[in-house]
């Protein structure tokens, strides 16, 4: 799984995905169907995500109602933004529909 902070028009969200990259065409298509047509995404280390989110991470990963290729871990933009330092984020990936 990859973890990414996606900065969208409504603020940052933290997603987990099984796609190889944060700009994989299938991921882009899936995000577009959810109304996310433009974003700047930063990959973050999944181990750090697991450590910082603890039980919530486990619950989201075990939620059978969510698609296995894309899971929303956190949609509270303020919380997401403050969970990771900039130096913990990989270089940005930009998508503009």
PDB file of N, CA and C in Angstrom:
ATOM      1  N   UNK A   1       0.839  -1.191   0.000  1.00  0.00           N
ATOM      2  CA  UNK A   1       0.000   0.000   0.000  1.00  0.00           C
ATOM      3  C   UNK A   1       0.878   1.246   0.000  1.00  0.00           C
ATOM      4  N   UNK A   2       0.361   2.256  -0.640  1.00  0.00           N
ATOM      5  CA  UNK A   2       0.979   3.572  -0.609  1.00  0.00           C
ATOM      6  C   UNK A   2       0.055   4.488   0.179  1.00  0.00           C
ATOM      7  N   UNK A   3       0.664   5.410   0.890  1.00  0.00           N
ATOM      8  CA  UNK A   3      -0.091   6.417   1.620  1.00  0.00           C
ATOM      9  C   UNK A   3       0.241   7.760   1.005  1.00  0.00           C
ATOM     10  N   UNK A   4      -0.789   8.580   0.810  1.00  0.00           N
ATOM     11  CA  UNK A   4      -0.564   9.885   0.224  1.00  0.00           C
ATOM     12  C   UNK A   4      -1.459  10.949   0.816  1.00  0.00           C
ATOM     13  N   UNK A   5      -0.875  12.116   0.993  1.00  0.00           N
ATOM     14  CA  UNK A   5      -1.644  13.285   1.390  1.00  0.00           C
ATOM     15  C   UNK A   5      -2.006  14.007   0.097  1.00  0.00           C
ATOM     16  N   UNK A   6      -3.304  14.119  -0.150  1.00  0.00           N
ATOM     17  CA  UNK A   6      -3.812  14.744  -1.367  1.00  0.00           C
ATOM     18  C   UNK A   6      -4.394  16.109  -1.005  1.00  0.00           C
ATOM     19  N   UNK A   7      -3.787  17.154  -1.546  1.00  0.00           N
ATOM     20  CA  UNK A   7      -4.303  18.506  -1.355  1.00  0.00           C
ATOM     21  C   UNK A   7      -5.277  18.771  -2.490  1.00  0.00           C
ATOM     22  N   UNK A   8      -6.545  18.908  -2.128  1.00  0.00           N
ATOM     23  CA  UNK A   8      -7.627  19.089  -3.094  1.00  0.00           C
ATOM     24  C   UNK A   8      -8.284  20.443  -2.851  1.00  0.00           C
ATOM     25  N   UNK A   9      -9.287  20.752  -3.646  1.00  0.00           N
ATOM     26  CA  UNK A   9      -9.998  22.011  -3.489  1.00  0.00           C
ATOM     27  C   UNK A   9     -10.648  22.179  -2.133  1.00  0.00           C
ATOM     28  N   UNK A  10     -11.006  21.073  -1.491  1.00  0.00           N
ATOM     29  CA  UNK A  10     -11.656  21.165  -0.181  1.00  0.00           C
ATOM     30  C   UNK A  10     -10.688  20.945   0.971  1.00  0.00           C
ATOM     31  N   UNK A  11      -9.406  20.800   0.675  1.00  0.00           N
ATOM     32  CA  UNK A  11      -8.404  20.622   1.724  1.00  0.00           C
ATOM     33  C   UNK A  11      -7.722  19.272   1.621  1.00  0.00           C
ATOM     34  N   UNK A  12      -6.739  19.024   2.491  1.00  0.00           N
ATOM     35  CA  UNK A  12      -5.995  17.778   2.427  1.00  0.00           C
ATOM     36  C   UNK A  12      -6.786  16.581   2.953  1.00  0.00           C
ATOM     37  N   UNK A  13      -6.557  15.434   2.310  1.00  0.00           N
ATOM     38  CA  UNK A  13      -7.088  14.153   2.779  1.00  0.00           C
ATOM     39  C   UNK A  13      -5.940  13.145   2.722  1.00  0.00           C
ATOM     40  N   UNK A  14      -6.012  12.139   3.567  1.00  0.00           N
ATOM     41  CA  UNK A  14      -5.000  11.087   3.595  1.00  0.00           C
ATOM     42  C   UNK A  14      -5.619   9.816   3.036  1.00  0.00           C
ATOM     43  N   UNK A  15      -5.033   9.321   1.945  1.00  0.00           N
ATOM     44  CA  UNK A  15      -5.548   8.133   1.276  1.00  0.00           C
ATOM     45  C   UNK A  15      -4.527   7.010   1.329  1.00  0.00           C
ATOM     46  N   UNK A  16      -5.035   5.798   1.342  1.00  0.00           N
ATOM     47  CA  UNK A  16      -4.218   4.595   1.192  1.00  0.00           C
ATOM     48  C   UNK A  16      -4.636   3.950  -0.112  1.00  0.00           C
ATOM     49  N   UNK A  17      -3.660   3.516  -0.893  1.00  0.00           N
ATOM     50  CA  UNK A  17      -3.986   2.927  -2.187  1.00  0.00           C
ATOM     51  C   UNK A  17      -3.027   1.801  -2.539  1.00  0.00           C
ATOM     52  N   UNK A  18      -3.512   0.873  -3.317  1.00  0.00           N
ATOM     53  CA  UNK A  18      -2.665  -0.221  -3.790  1.00  0.00           C
ATOM     54  C   UNK A  18      -2.052   0.102  -5.150  1.00  0.00           C
ATOM     55  N   UNK A  19      -2.379   1.246  -5.735  1.00  0.00           N
ATOM     56  CA  UNK A  19      -1.779   1.642  -7.005  1.00  0.00           C
ATOM     57  C   UNK A  19      -0.301   1.955  -6.802  1.00  0.00           C
ATOM     58  N   UNK A  20       0.488   1.752  -7.847  1.00  0.00           N
ATOM     59  CA  UNK A  20       1.945   1.921  -7.769  1.00  0.00           C
ATOM     60  C   UNK A  20       2.370   3.374  -7.566  1.00  0.00           C
ATOM     61  N   UNK A  21       1.619   4.298  -8.140  1.00  0.00           N
ATOM     62  CA  UNK A  21       1.974   5.711  -8.036  1.00  0.00           C
ATOM     63  C   UNK A  21       0.727   6.529  -7.701  1.00  0.00           C
ATOM     64  N   UNK A  22       0.950   7.728  -7.214  1.00  0.00           N
ATOM     65  CA  UNK A  22      -0.168   8.599  -6.856  1.00  0.00           C
ATOM     66  C   UNK A  22      -0.768   9.321  -8.058  1.00  0.00           C
ATOM     67  N   UNK A  23      -0.190   9.068  -9.235  1.00  0.00           N
ATOM     68  CA  UNK A  23      -0.793   9.597 -10.462  1.00  0.00           C
ATOM     69  C   UNK A  23      -1.097   8.478 -11.462  1.00  0.00           C
ATOM     70  N   UNK A  24      -1.250   7.264 -10.952  1.00  0.00           N
ATOM     71  CA  UNK A  24      -1.633   6.129 -11.798  1.00  0.00           C
ATOM     72  C   UNK A  24      -2.950   6.475 -12.497  1.00  0.00           C
ATOM     73  N   UNK A  25      -3.054   6.235 -13.802  1.00  0.00           N
ATOM     74  CA  UNK A  25      -4.278   6.600 -14.529  1.00  0.00           C
ATOM     75  C   UNK A  25      -5.560   6.003 -13.937  1.00  0.00           C
ATOM     76  N   UNK A  26      -5.492   4.802 -13.412  1.00  0.00           N
ATOM     77  CA  UNK A  26      -6.692   4.198 -12.812  1.00  0.00           C
ATOM     78  C   UNK A  26      -7.059   4.894 -11.502  1.00  0.00           C
ATOM     79  N   UNK A  27      -6.061   5.294 -10.724  1.00  0.00           N
ATOM     80  CA  UNK A  27      -6.321   6.045  -9.497  1.00  0.00           C
ATOM     81  C   UNK A  27      -6.908   7.408  -9.843  1.00  0.00           C
ATOM     82  N   UNK A  28      -6.322   8.075 -10.836  1.00  0.00           N
ATOM     83  CA  UNK A  28      -6.830   9.371 -11.276  1.00  0.00           C
ATOM     84  C   UNK A  28      -8.295   9.246 -11.679  1.00  0.00           C
ATOM     85  N   UNK A  29      -8.612   8.212 -12.439  1.00  0.00           N
ATOM     86  CA  UNK A  29      -9.997   7.997 -12.879  1.00  0.00           C
ATOM     87  C   UNK A  29     -10.929   7.779 -11.689  1.00  0.00           C
ATOM     88  N   UNK A  30     -10.483   6.976 -10.741  1.00  0.00           N
ATOM     89  CA  UNK A  30     -11.300   6.710  -9.557  1.00  0.00           C
ATOM     90  C   UNK A  30     -11.528   7.993  -8.752  1.00  0.00           C
ATOM     91  N   UNK A  31     -10.478   8.796  -8.588  1.00  0.00           N
ATOM     92  CA  UNK A  31     -10.620  10.053  -7.860  1.00  0.00           C
ATOM     93  C   UNK A  31     -11.558  11.010  -8.600  1.00  0.00           C
ATOM     94  N   UNK A  32     -11.459  11.030  -9.923  1.00  0.00           N
ATOM     95  CA  UNK A  32     -12.332  11.907 -10.701  1.00  0.00           C
ATOM     96  C   UNK A  32     -13.796  11.523 -10.532  1.00  0.00           C
ATOM     97  N   UNK A  33     -14.095  10.225 -10.409  1.00  0.00           N
ATOM     98  CA  UNK A  33     -15.487   9.811 -10.201  1.00  0.00           C
ATOM     99  C   UNK A  33     -15.987  10.253  -8.829  1.00  0.00           C
ATOM    100  N   UNK A  34     -15.050  10.528  -7.917  1.00  0.00           N
ATOM    101  CA  UNK A  34     -15.414  11.014  -6.584  1.00  0.00           C
ATOM    102  C   UNK A  34     -15.374  12.538  -6.509  1.00  0.00           C
ATOM    103  N   UNK A  35     -15.171  13.189  -7.669  1.00  0.00           N
ATOM    104  CA  UNK A  35     -15.189  14.645  -7.713  1.00  0.00           C
ATOM    105  C   UNK A  35     -13.834  15.306  -7.529  1.00  0.00           C
ATOM    106  N   UNK A  36     -12.771  14.524  -7.411  1.00  0.00           N
ATOM    107  CA  UNK A  36     -11.427  15.081  -7.242  1.00  0.00           C
ATOM    108  C   UNK A  36     -10.755  15.072  -8.612  1.00  0.00           C
ATOM    109  N   UNK A  37     -10.776  16.206  -9.262  1.00  0.00           N
ATOM    110  CA  UNK A  37     -10.254  16.304 -10.620  1.00  0.00           C
ATOM    111  C   UNK A  37      -8.889  16.992 -10.676  1.00  0.00           C
ATOM    112  N   UNK A  38      -8.505  17.590  -9.578  1.00  0.00           N
ATOM    113  CA  UNK A  38      -7.250  18.325  -9.517  1.00  0.00           C
ATOM    114  C   UNK A  38      -6.669  18.160  -8.123  1.00  0.00           C
ATOM    115  N   UNK A  39      -5.383  17.843  -8.062  1.00  0.00           N
ATOM    116  CA  UNK A  39      -4.762  17.671  -6.751  1.00  0.00           C
ATOM    117  C   UNK A  39      -3.241  17.780  -6.836  1.00  0.00           C
ATOM    118  N   UNK A  40      -2.657  18.019  -5.697  1.00  0.00           N
ATOM    119  CA  UNK A  40      -1.219  17.881  -5.491  1.00  0.00           C
ATOM    120  C   UNK A  40      -1.093  16.837  -4.388  1.00  0.00           C
ATOM    121  N   UNK A  41      -0.367  15.762  -4.649  1.00  0.00           N
ATOM    122  CA  UNK A  41      -0.254  14.665  -3.685  1.00  0.00           C
ATOM    123  C   UNK A  41       1.193  14.463  -3.273  1.00  0.00           C
ATOM    124  N   UNK A  42       1.367  14.121  -2.012  1.00  0.00           N
ATOM    125  CA  UNK A  42       2.682  13.826  -1.460  1.00  0.00           C
ATOM    126  C   UNK A  42       2.623  12.438  -0.824  1.00  0.00           C
ATOM    127  N   UNK A  43       3.455  11.531  -1.312  1.00  0.00           N
ATOM    128  CA  UNK A  43       3.515  10.224  -0.672  1.00  0.00           C
ATOM    129  C   UNK A  43       4.178  10.377   0.691  1.00  0.00           C
ATOM    130  N   UNK A  44       3.674   9.642   1.667  1.00  0.00           N
ATOM    131  CA  UNK A  44       4.279   9.579   2.994  1.00  0.00           C
ATOM    132  C   UNK A  44       4.493   8.114   3.341  1.00  0.00           C
ATOM    133  N   UNK A  45       5.447   7.863   4.189  1.00  0.00           N
ATOM    134  CA  UNK A  45       5.814   6.497   4.541  1.00  0.00           C
ATOM    135  C   UNK A  45       4.651   5.783   5.238  1.00  0.00           C
ATOM    136  N   UNK A  46       4.266   4.639   4.698  1.00  0.00           N
ATOM    137  CA  UNK A  46       3.127   3.908   5.257  1.00  0.00           C
ATOM    138  C   UNK A  46       3.373   3.480   6.702  1.00  0.00           C
ATOM    139  N   UNK A  47       4.602   3.144   7.045  1.00  0.00           N
ATOM    140  CA  UNK A  47       4.899   2.758   8.428  1.00  0.00           C
ATOM    141  C   UNK A  47       4.649   3.911   9.397  1.00  0.00           C
ATOM    142  N   UNK A  48       4.991   5.124   8.980  1.00  0.00           N
ATOM    143  CA  UNK A  48       4.718   6.296   9.831  1.00  0.00           C
ATOM    144  C   UNK A  48       3.221   6.533   9.953  1.00  0.00           C
ATOM    145  N   UNK A  49       2.503   6.328   8.849  1.00  0.00           N
ATOM    146  CA  UNK A  49       1.044   6.472   8.890  1.00  0.00           C
ATOM    147  C   UNK A  49       0.457   5.462   9.868  1.00  0.00           C
ATOM    148  N   UNK A  50       0.874   4.220   9.764  1.00  0.00           N
ATOM    149  CA  UNK A  50       0.377   3.152  10.646  1.00  0.00           C
ATOM    150  C   UNK A  50       0.683   3.484  12.111  1.00  0.00           C
ATOM    151  N   UNK A  51       1.892   3.961  12.359  1.00  0.00           N
ATOM    152  CA  UNK A  51       2.308   4.310  13.722  1.00  0.00           C
ATOM    153  C   UNK A  51       1.484   5.463  14.281  1.00  0.00           C
ATOM    154  N   UNK A  52       1.273   6.487  13.486  1.00  0.00           N
ATOM    155  CA  UNK A  52       0.584   7.687  13.981  1.00  0.00           C
ATOM    156  C   UNK A  52      -0.926   7.524  14.073  1.00  0.00           C
ATOM    157  N   UNK A  53      -1.487   6.686  13.241  1.00  0.00           N
ATOM    158  CA  UNK A  53      -2.946   6.506  13.263  1.00  0.00           C
ATOM    159  C   UNK A  53      -3.376   5.296  14.079  1.00  0.00           C
ATOM    160  N   UNK A  54      -2.442   4.410  14.407  1.00  0.00           N
ATOM    161  CA  UNK A  54      -2.707   3.301  15.307  1.00  0.00           C
ATOM    162  C   UNK A  54      -3.920   2.465  14.939  1.00  0.00           C
ATOM    163  N   UNK A  55      -4.825   2.334  15.891  1.00  0.00           N
ATOM    164  CA  UNK A  55      -6.002   1.482  15.721  1.00  0.00           C
ATOM    165  C   UNK A  55      -6.892   1.957  14.570  1.00  0.00           C
ATOM    166  N   UNK A  56      -6.954   3.259  14.346  1.00  0.00           N
ATOM    167  CA  UNK A  56      -7.768   3.774  13.244  1.00  0.00           C
ATOM    168  C   UNK A  56      -7.260   3.231  11.909  1.00  0.00           C
ATOM    169  N   UNK A  57      -5.954   3.152  11.751  1.00  0.00           N
ATOM    170  CA  UNK A  57      -5.366   2.577  10.542  1.00  0.00           C
ATOM    171  C   UNK A  57      -5.842   1.137  10.366  1.00  0.00           C
ATOM    172  N   UNK A  58      -5.767   0.365  11.433  1.00  0.00           N
ATOM    173  CA  UNK A  58      -6.186  -1.046  11.388  1.00  0.00           C
ATOM    174  C   UNK A  58      -7.666  -1.175  11.039  1.00  0.00           C
ATOM    175  N   UNK A  59      -8.493  -0.347  11.633  1.00  0.00           N
ATOM    176  CA  UNK A  59      -9.930  -0.387  11.365  1.00  0.00           C
ATOM    177  C   UNK A  59     -10.208  -0.089   9.895  1.00  0.00           C
ATOM    178  N   UNK A  60      -9.566   0.942   9.362  1.00  0.00           N
ATOM    179  CA  UNK A  60      -9.781   1.310   7.957  1.00  0.00           C
ATOM    180  C   UNK A  60      -9.291   0.202   7.039  1.00  0.00           C
ATOM    181  N   UNK A  61      -8.165  -0.385   7.344  1.00  0.00           N
ATOM    182  CA  UNK A  61      -7.625  -1.457   6.500  1.00  0.00           C
ATOM    183  C   UNK A  61      -8.506  -2.703   6.539  1.00  0.00           C
ATOM    184  N   UNK A  62      -9.226  -2.909   7.616  1.00  0.00           N
ATOM    185  CA  UNK A  62     -10.089  -4.087   7.746  1.00  0.00           C
ATOM    186  C   UNK A  62     -11.536  -3.830   7.357  1.00  0.00           C
ATOM    187  N   UNK A  63     -11.858  -2.605   6.940  1.00  0.00           N
ATOM    188  CA  UNK A  63     -13.220  -2.257   6.561  1.00  0.00           C
ATOM    189  C   UNK A  63     -13.532  -2.853   5.194  1.00  0.00           C
ATOM    190  N   UNK A  64     -14.335  -3.891   5.181  1.00  0.00           N
ATOM    191  CA  UNK A  64     -14.641  -4.594   3.946  1.00  0.00           C
ATOM    192  C   UNK A  64     -15.559  -3.807   3.024  1.00  0.00           C
ATOM    193  N   UNK A  65     -16.189  -2.750   3.527  1.00  0.00           N
ATOM    194  CA  UNK A  65     -17.088  -1.961   2.686  1.00  0.00           C
ATOM    195  C   UNK A  65     -16.333  -1.028   1.757  1.00  0.00           C
ATOM    196  N   UNK A  66     -15.069  -0.769   2.039  1.00  0.00           N
ATOM    197  CA  UNK A  66     -14.287   0.112   1.176  1.00  0.00           C
ATOM    198  C   UNK A  66     -13.557  -0.719   0.127  1.00  0.00           C
ATOM    199  N   UNK A  67     -13.384  -0.135  -1.039  1.00  0.00           N
ATOM    200  CA  UNK A  67     -12.623  -0.807  -2.099  1.00  0.00           C
ATOM    201  C   UNK A  67     -11.187  -1.004  -1.628  1.00  0.00           C
ATOM    202  N   UNK A  68     -10.615  -2.129  -1.969  1.00  0.00           N
ATOM    203  CA  UNK A  68      -9.270  -2.423  -1.495  1.00  0.00           C
ATOM    204  C   UNK A  68      -8.200  -1.572  -2.171  1.00  0.00           C
ATOM    205  N   UNK A  69      -8.508  -0.982  -3.335  1.00  0.00           N
ATOM    206  CA  UNK A  69      -7.495  -0.212  -4.034  1.00  0.00           C
ATOM    207  C   UNK A  69      -7.446   1.257  -3.629  1.00  0.00           C
ATOM    208  N   UNK A  70      -8.419   1.712  -2.846  1.00  0.00           N
ATOM    209  CA  UNK A  70      -8.447   3.104  -2.402  1.00  0.00           C
ATOM    210  C   UNK A  70      -9.231   3.202  -1.097  1.00  0.00           C
ATOM    211  N   UNK A  71      -8.559   3.666  -0.062  1.00  0.00           N
ATOM    212  CA  UNK A  71      -9.208   3.829   1.239  1.00  0.00           C
ATOM    213  C   UNK A  71      -8.907   5.210   1.797  1.00  0.00           C
ATOM    214  N   UNK A  72      -9.931   5.857   2.314  1.00  0.00           N
ATOM    215  CA  UNK A  72      -9.767   7.168   2.939  1.00  0.00           C
ATOM    216  C   UNK A  72      -9.445   6.932   4.404  1.00  0.00           C
ATOM    217  N   UNK A  73      -8.264   7.370   4.824  1.00  0.00           N
ATOM    218  CA  UNK A  73      -7.867   7.203   6.223  1.00  0.00           C
ATOM    219  C   UNK A  73      -8.272   8.418   7.060  1.00  0.00           C
ATOM    220  N   UNK A  74      -8.154   9.610   6.469  1.00  0.00           N
ATOM    221  CA  UNK A  74      -8.463  10.820   7.235  1.00  0.00           C
ATOM    222  C   UNK A  74      -8.895  11.914   6.267  1.00  0.00           C
ATOM    223  N   UNK A  75     -10.037  12.512   6.524  1.00  0.00           N
ATOM    224  CA  UNK A  75     -10.528  13.611   5.685  1.00  0.00           C
ATOM    225  C   UNK A  75     -10.640  14.915   6.460  1.00  0.00           C
ATOM    226  N   UNK A  76     -10.122  14.939   7.687  1.00  0.00           N
ATOM    227  CA  UNK A  76     -10.060  16.165   8.479  1.00  0.00           C
ATOM    228  C   UNK A  76      -8.784  16.900   8.073  1.00  0.00           C
ATOM    229  N   UNK A  77      -8.928  17.855   7.164  1.00  0.00           N
ATOM    230  CA  UNK A  77      -7.780  18.529   6.576  1.00  0.00           C
ATOM    231  C   UNK A  77      -6.801  19.099   7.584  1.00  0.00           C
ATOM    232  N   UNK A  78      -7.303  19.739   8.607  1.00  0.00           N
ATOM    233  CA  UNK A  78      -6.435  20.326   9.641  1.00  0.00           C
ATOM    234  C   UNK A  78      -5.609  19.228  10.308  1.00  0.00           C
ATOM    235  N   UNK A  79      -6.249  18.129  10.638  1.00  0.00           N
ATOM    236  CA  UNK A  79      -5.560  17.005  11.293  1.00  0.00           C
ATOM    237  C   UNK A  79      -4.512  16.405  10.370  1.00  0.00           C
ATOM    238  N   UNK A  80      -4.889  16.143   9.117  1.00  0.00           N
ATOM    239  CA  UNK A  80      -3.958  15.553   8.149  1.00  0.00           C
ATOM    240  C   UNK A  80      -2.737  16.453   7.988  1.00  0.00           C
ATOM    241  N   UNK A  81      -2.965  17.738   7.804  1.00  0.00           N
ATOM    242  CA  UNK A  81      -1.886  18.685   7.565  1.00  0.00           C
ATOM    243  C   UNK A  81      -0.886  18.699   8.711  1.00  0.00           C
ATOM    244  N   UNK A  82      -1.367  18.535   9.928  1.00  0.00           N
ATOM    245  CA  UNK A  82      -0.491  18.611  11.097  1.00  0.00           C
ATOM    246  C   UNK A  82       0.122  17.283  11.525  1.00  0.00           C
ATOM    247  N   UNK A  83      -0.244  16.193  10.873  1.00  0.00           N
ATOM    248  CA  UNK A  83       0.301  14.881  11.255  1.00  0.00           C
ATOM    249  C   UNK A  83       1.702  14.623  10.709  1.00  0.00           C
ATOM    250  N   UNK A  84       2.087  15.305   9.631  1.00  0.00           N
ATOM    251  CA  UNK A  84       3.366  15.034   8.982  1.00  0.00           C
ATOM    252  C   UNK A  84       4.111  16.334   8.709  1.00  0.00           C
ATOM    253  N   UNK A  85       5.422  16.292   8.935  1.00  0.00           N
ATOM    254  CA  UNK A  85       6.270  17.435   8.612  1.00  0.00           C
ATOM    255  C   UNK A  85       6.532  17.439   7.104  1.00  0.00           C
ATOM    256  N   UNK A  86       6.869  18.579   6.556  1.00  0.00           N
ATOM    257  CA  UNK A  86       7.158  18.669   5.132  1.00  0.00           C
ATOM    258  C   UNK A  86       8.336  17.767   4.743  1.00  0.00           C
ATOM    259  N   UNK A  87       9.331  17.657   5.623  1.00  0.00           N
ATOM    260  CA  UNK A  87      10.491  16.831   5.280  1.00  0.00           C
ATOM    261  C   UNK A  87      10.181  15.337   5.318  1.00  0.00           C
ATOM    262  N   UNK A  88       8.970  14.965   5.741  1.00  0.00           N
ATOM    263  CA  UNK A  88       8.543  13.562   5.709  1.00  0.00           C
ATOM    264  C   UNK A  88       7.753  13.240   4.439  1.00  0.00           C
ATOM    265  N   UNK A  89       7.485  14.252   3.648  1.00  0.00           N
ATOM    266  CA  UNK A  89       6.711  14.062   2.423  1.00  0.00           C
ATOM    267  C   UNK A  89       7.651  13.907   1.232  1.00  0.00           C
ATOM    268  N   UNK A  90       7.315  12.981   0.358  1.00  0.00           N
ATOM    269  CA  UNK A  90       8.084  12.781  -0.863  1.00  0.00           C
ATOM    270  C   UNK A  90       7.794  13.946  -1.830  1.00  0.00           C
ATOM    271  N   UNK A  91       8.528  14.040  -2.929  1.00  0.00           N
ATOM    272  CA  UNK A  91       8.256  15.120  -3.892  1.00  0.00           C
ATOM    273  C   UNK A  91       6.810  15.076  -4.380  1.00  0.00           C
ATOM    274  N   UNK A  92       6.256  16.229  -4.708  1.00  0.00           N
ATOM    275  CA  UNK A  92       4.847  16.295  -5.087  1.00  0.00           C
ATOM    276  C   UNK A  92       4.549  15.663  -6.446  1.00  0.00           C
ATOM    277  N   UNK A  93       3.331  15.144  -6.537  1.00  0.00           N
ATOM    278  CA  UNK A  93       2.762  14.646  -7.780  1.00  0.00           C
ATOM    279  C   UNK A  93       1.560  15.538  -8.058  1.00  0.00           C
ATOM    280  N   UNK A  94       1.518  16.140  -9.246  1.00  0.00           N
ATOM    281  CA  UNK A  94       0.424  17.048  -9.564  1.00  0.00           C
ATOM    282  C   UNK A  94      -0.462  16.451 -10.645  1.00  0.00           C
ATOM    283  N   UNK A  95      -1.753  16.638 -10.465  1.00  0.00           N
ATOM    284  CA  UNK A  95      -2.705  16.229 -11.499  1.00  0.00           C
ATOM    285  C   UNK A  95      -3.688  17.372 -11.714  1.00  0.00           C
ATOM    286  N   UNK A  96      -3.854  17.720 -12.973  1.00  0.00           N
ATOM    287  CA  UNK A  96      -4.773  18.784 -13.346  1.00  0.00           C
ATOM    288  C   UNK A  96      -5.609  18.280 -14.521  1.00  0.00           C
ATOM    289  N   UNK A  97      -6.886  18.077 -14.276  1.00  0.00           N
ATOM    290  CA  UNK A  97      -7.761  17.507 -15.315  1.00  0.00           C
ATOM    291  C   UNK A  97      -7.849  18.399 -16.516  1.00  0.00           C
TER     292      UNK A  97
END
